[in-house]
């Protein structure tokens, strides 16, 4: 299992809508994530109100990267693009965090 941790930025005036769109996440998105080896995925909102911290446990890096090529993920990105900072392909701007400690 590989642990992935990353940050993203939601626009301050879109936080409530961002949260609402994740409750619940589309069932086909959940199914696709599990099919791509994501066994645990959480998002946290920092006290600053705009920084999101993502945590995912994945089976393989190549399967994680393939998620962005799926139709459901591309549709999700389009839906979320107005709520957060994104790249030209609508994927969320994401910055990986380096693990420095883990207590198994």
C-alpha atoms as a PDB file:
ATOM      1  CA  UNK A   1       0.000   0.000   0.000  1.00  0.00           C
ATOM      2  CA  UNK A   2       1.184   3.487  -0.919  1.00  0.00           C
ATOM      3  CA  UNK A   3       0.046   6.562   1.022  1.00  0.00           C
ATOM      4  CA  UNK A   4      -0.541   9.746  -0.990  1.00  0.00           C
ATOM      5  CA  UNK A   5      -0.981  13.124   0.690  1.00  0.00           C
ATOM      6  CA  UNK A   6      -1.527  16.349  -1.193  1.00  0.00           C
ATOM      7  CA  UNK A   7      -2.993  19.827  -0.944  1.00  0.00           C
ATOM      8  CA  UNK A   8      -5.473  21.615  -3.183  1.00  0.00           C
ATOM      9  CA  UNK A   9      -7.121  25.039  -2.976  1.00  0.00           C
ATOM     10  CA  UNK A  10     -10.856  25.719  -2.947  1.00  0.00           C
ATOM     11  CA  UNK A  11     -12.103  29.255  -3.580  1.00  0.00           C
ATOM     12  CA  UNK A  12     -13.215  30.938  -0.313  1.00  0.00           C
ATOM     13  CA  UNK A  13     -16.735  31.668  -1.556  1.00  0.00           C
ATOM     14  CA  UNK A  14     -17.162  28.089  -2.850  1.00  0.00           C
ATOM     15  CA  UNK A  15     -16.303  26.052   0.252  1.00  0.00           C
ATOM     16  CA  UNK A  16     -19.911  25.255   1.189  1.00  0.00           C
ATOM     17  CA  UNK A  17     -20.699  24.140  -2.355  1.00  0.00           C
ATOM     18  CA  UNK A  18     -17.506  22.065  -2.492  1.00  0.00           C
ATOM     19  CA  UNK A  19     -18.516  20.272   0.702  1.00  0.00           C
ATOM     20  CA  UNK A  20     -22.087  19.784  -0.545  1.00  0.00           C
ATOM     21  CA  UNK A  21     -20.893  18.192  -3.804  1.00  0.00           C
ATOM     22  CA  UNK A  22     -18.910  15.638  -1.808  1.00  0.00           C
ATOM     23  CA  UNK A  23     -21.908  14.571   0.292  1.00  0.00           C
ATOM     24  CA  UNK A  24     -22.378  12.210  -1.330  1.00  0.00           C
ATOM     25  CA  UNK A  25     -19.749  11.751  -4.022  1.00  0.00           C
ATOM     26  CA  UNK A  26     -21.156  10.265  -7.231  1.00  0.00           C
ATOM     27  CA  UNK A  27     -21.526   6.476  -6.820  1.00  0.00           C
ATOM     28  CA  UNK A  28     -19.769   5.905 -10.166  1.00  0.00           C
ATOM     29  CA  UNK A  29     -16.800   7.938  -8.878  1.00  0.00           C
ATOM     30  CA  UNK A  30     -16.558   5.771  -5.762  1.00  0.00           C
ATOM     31  CA  UNK A  31     -16.788   2.621  -7.887  1.00  0.00           C
ATOM     32  CA  UNK A  32     -14.083   3.856 -10.267  1.00  0.00           C
ATOM     33  CA  UNK A  33     -11.725   4.817  -7.429  1.00  0.00           C
ATOM     34  CA  UNK A  34     -12.054   1.394  -5.837  1.00  0.00           C
ATOM     35  CA  UNK A  35     -11.570  -0.284  -9.223  1.00  0.00           C
ATOM     36  CA  UNK A  36      -8.313   1.667  -9.564  1.00  0.00           C
ATOM     37  CA  UNK A  37      -6.940   0.445  -6.238  1.00  0.00           C
ATOM     38  CA  UNK A  38      -7.900   3.335  -3.956  1.00  0.00           C
ATOM     39  CA  UNK A  39      -8.736   1.691  -0.638  1.00  0.00           C
ATOM     40  CA  UNK A  40      -8.995   4.730   1.598  1.00  0.00           C
ATOM     41  CA  UNK A  41      -9.520   8.359   0.558  1.00  0.00           C
ATOM     42  CA  UNK A  42     -10.184  11.366   2.774  1.00  0.00           C
ATOM     43  CA  UNK A  43     -10.286  15.126   2.278  1.00  0.00           C
ATOM     44  CA  UNK A  44      -9.766  17.610   5.098  1.00  0.00           C
ATOM     45  CA  UNK A  45     -10.314  21.371   5.143  1.00  0.00           C
ATOM     46  CA  UNK A  46      -7.629  23.393   6.938  1.00  0.00           C
ATOM     47  CA  UNK A  47      -8.449  26.147   9.421  1.00  0.00           C
ATOM     48  CA  UNK A  48      -7.563  28.746   6.769  1.00  0.00           C
ATOM     49  CA  UNK A  49     -10.835  27.741   5.093  1.00  0.00           C
ATOM     50  CA  UNK A  50      -9.406  27.206   1.599  1.00  0.00           C
ATOM     51  CA  UNK A  51      -6.630  24.614   1.804  1.00  0.00           C
ATOM     52  CA  UNK A  52      -7.705  21.029   1.277  1.00  0.00           C
ATOM     53  CA  UNK A  53      -5.569  18.130   2.421  1.00  0.00           C
ATOM     54  CA  UNK A  54      -6.117  14.867   0.593  1.00  0.00           C
ATOM     55  CA  UNK A  55      -5.071  11.459   1.900  1.00  0.00           C
ATOM     56  CA  UNK A  56      -5.355   8.296  -0.163  1.00  0.00           C
ATOM     57  CA  UNK A  57      -4.103   4.751   0.225  1.00  0.00           C
ATOM     58  CA  UNK A  58      -3.446   3.262  -3.192  1.00  0.00           C
ATOM     59  CA  UNK A  59      -2.273  -0.061  -4.540  1.00  0.00           C
ATOM     60  CA  UNK A  60      -0.078   1.235  -7.375  1.00  0.00           C
ATOM     61  CA  UNK A  61       1.108   4.573  -8.708  1.00  0.00           C
ATOM     62  CA  UNK A  62       0.229   3.726 -12.338  1.00  0.00           C
ATOM     63  CA  UNK A  63      -3.347   2.862 -11.363  1.00  0.00           C
ATOM     64  CA  UNK A  64      -3.611   6.137  -9.412  1.00  0.00           C
ATOM     65  CA  UNK A  65      -2.407   8.114 -12.430  1.00  0.00           C
ATOM     66  CA  UNK A  66      -4.861   6.281 -14.718  1.00  0.00           C
ATOM     67  CA  UNK A  67      -7.798   7.684 -12.714  1.00  0.00           C
ATOM     68  CA  UNK A  68      -7.475  11.024 -14.500  1.00  0.00           C
ATOM     69  CA  UNK A  69      -7.985   9.316 -17.855  1.00  0.00           C
ATOM     70  CA  UNK A  70     -11.405   7.918 -16.939  1.00  0.00           C
ATOM     71  CA  UNK A  71     -14.613   9.462 -18.217  1.00  0.00           C
ATOM     72  CA  UNK A  72     -16.113   9.780 -14.734  1.00  0.00           C
ATOM     73  CA  UNK A  73     -13.059  11.595 -13.388  1.00  0.00           C
ATOM     74  CA  UNK A  74     -12.952  13.978 -16.343  1.00  0.00           C
ATOM     75  CA  UNK A  75     -16.661  14.765 -15.833  1.00  0.00           C
ATOM     76  CA  UNK A  76     -16.025  15.302 -12.093  1.00  0.00           C
ATOM     77  CA  UNK A  77     -13.183  17.699 -12.848  1.00  0.00           C
ATOM     78  CA  UNK A  78     -15.479  19.775 -15.095  1.00  0.00           C
ATOM     79  CA  UNK A  79     -18.082  19.885 -12.303  1.00  0.00           C
ATOM     80  CA  UNK A  80     -15.507  20.992  -9.734  1.00  0.00           C
ATOM     81  CA  UNK A  81     -13.512  23.451 -11.892  1.00  0.00           C
ATOM     82  CA  UNK A  82     -15.580  26.469 -10.871  1.00  0.00           C
ATOM     83  CA  UNK A  83     -14.980  25.737  -7.180  1.00  0.00           C
ATOM     84  CA  UNK A  84     -11.212  25.391  -7.000  1.00  0.00           C
ATOM     85  CA  UNK A  85      -7.879  26.172  -8.569  1.00  0.00           C
ATOM     86  CA  UNK A  86      -7.362  23.950 -11.596  1.00  0.00           C
ATOM     87  CA  UNK A  87      -4.938  23.165 -14.388  1.00  0.00           C
ATOM     88  CA  UNK A  88      -5.728  23.725 -18.067  1.00  0.00           C
ATOM     89  CA  UNK A  89      -7.282  20.227 -18.323  1.00  0.00           C
ATOM     90  CA  UNK A  90      -9.643  21.001 -15.383  1.00  0.00           C
ATOM     91  CA  UNK A  91      -7.691  18.720 -13.021  1.00  0.00           C
ATOM     92  CA  UNK A  92      -7.267  20.270  -9.582  1.00  0.00           C
ATOM     93  CA  UNK A  93      -3.980  22.018  -8.919  1.00  0.00           C
ATOM     94  CA  UNK A  94      -2.395  19.607  -6.482  1.00  0.00           C
ATOM     95  CA  UNK A  95       0.846  19.721  -4.510  1.00  0.00           C
ATOM     96  CA  UNK A  96       2.194  16.474  -3.062  1.00  0.00           C
ATOM     97  CA  UNK A  97       3.373  16.394   0.534  1.00  0.00           C
ATOM     98  CA  UNK A  98       6.432  14.342   1.494  1.00  0.00           C
ATOM     99  CA  UNK A  99       6.012  11.898   4.340  1.00  0.00           C
ATOM    100  CA  UNK A 100       8.539  12.414   7.109  1.00  0.00           C
ATOM    101  CA  UNK A 101       7.070  10.141   9.807  1.00  0.00           C
ATOM    102  CA  UNK A 102       4.690   7.207  10.006  1.00  0.00           C
ATOM    103  CA  UNK A 103       3.667   5.137  13.017  1.00  0.00           C
ATOM    104  CA  UNK A 104       2.462   1.777  11.674  1.00  0.00           C
END
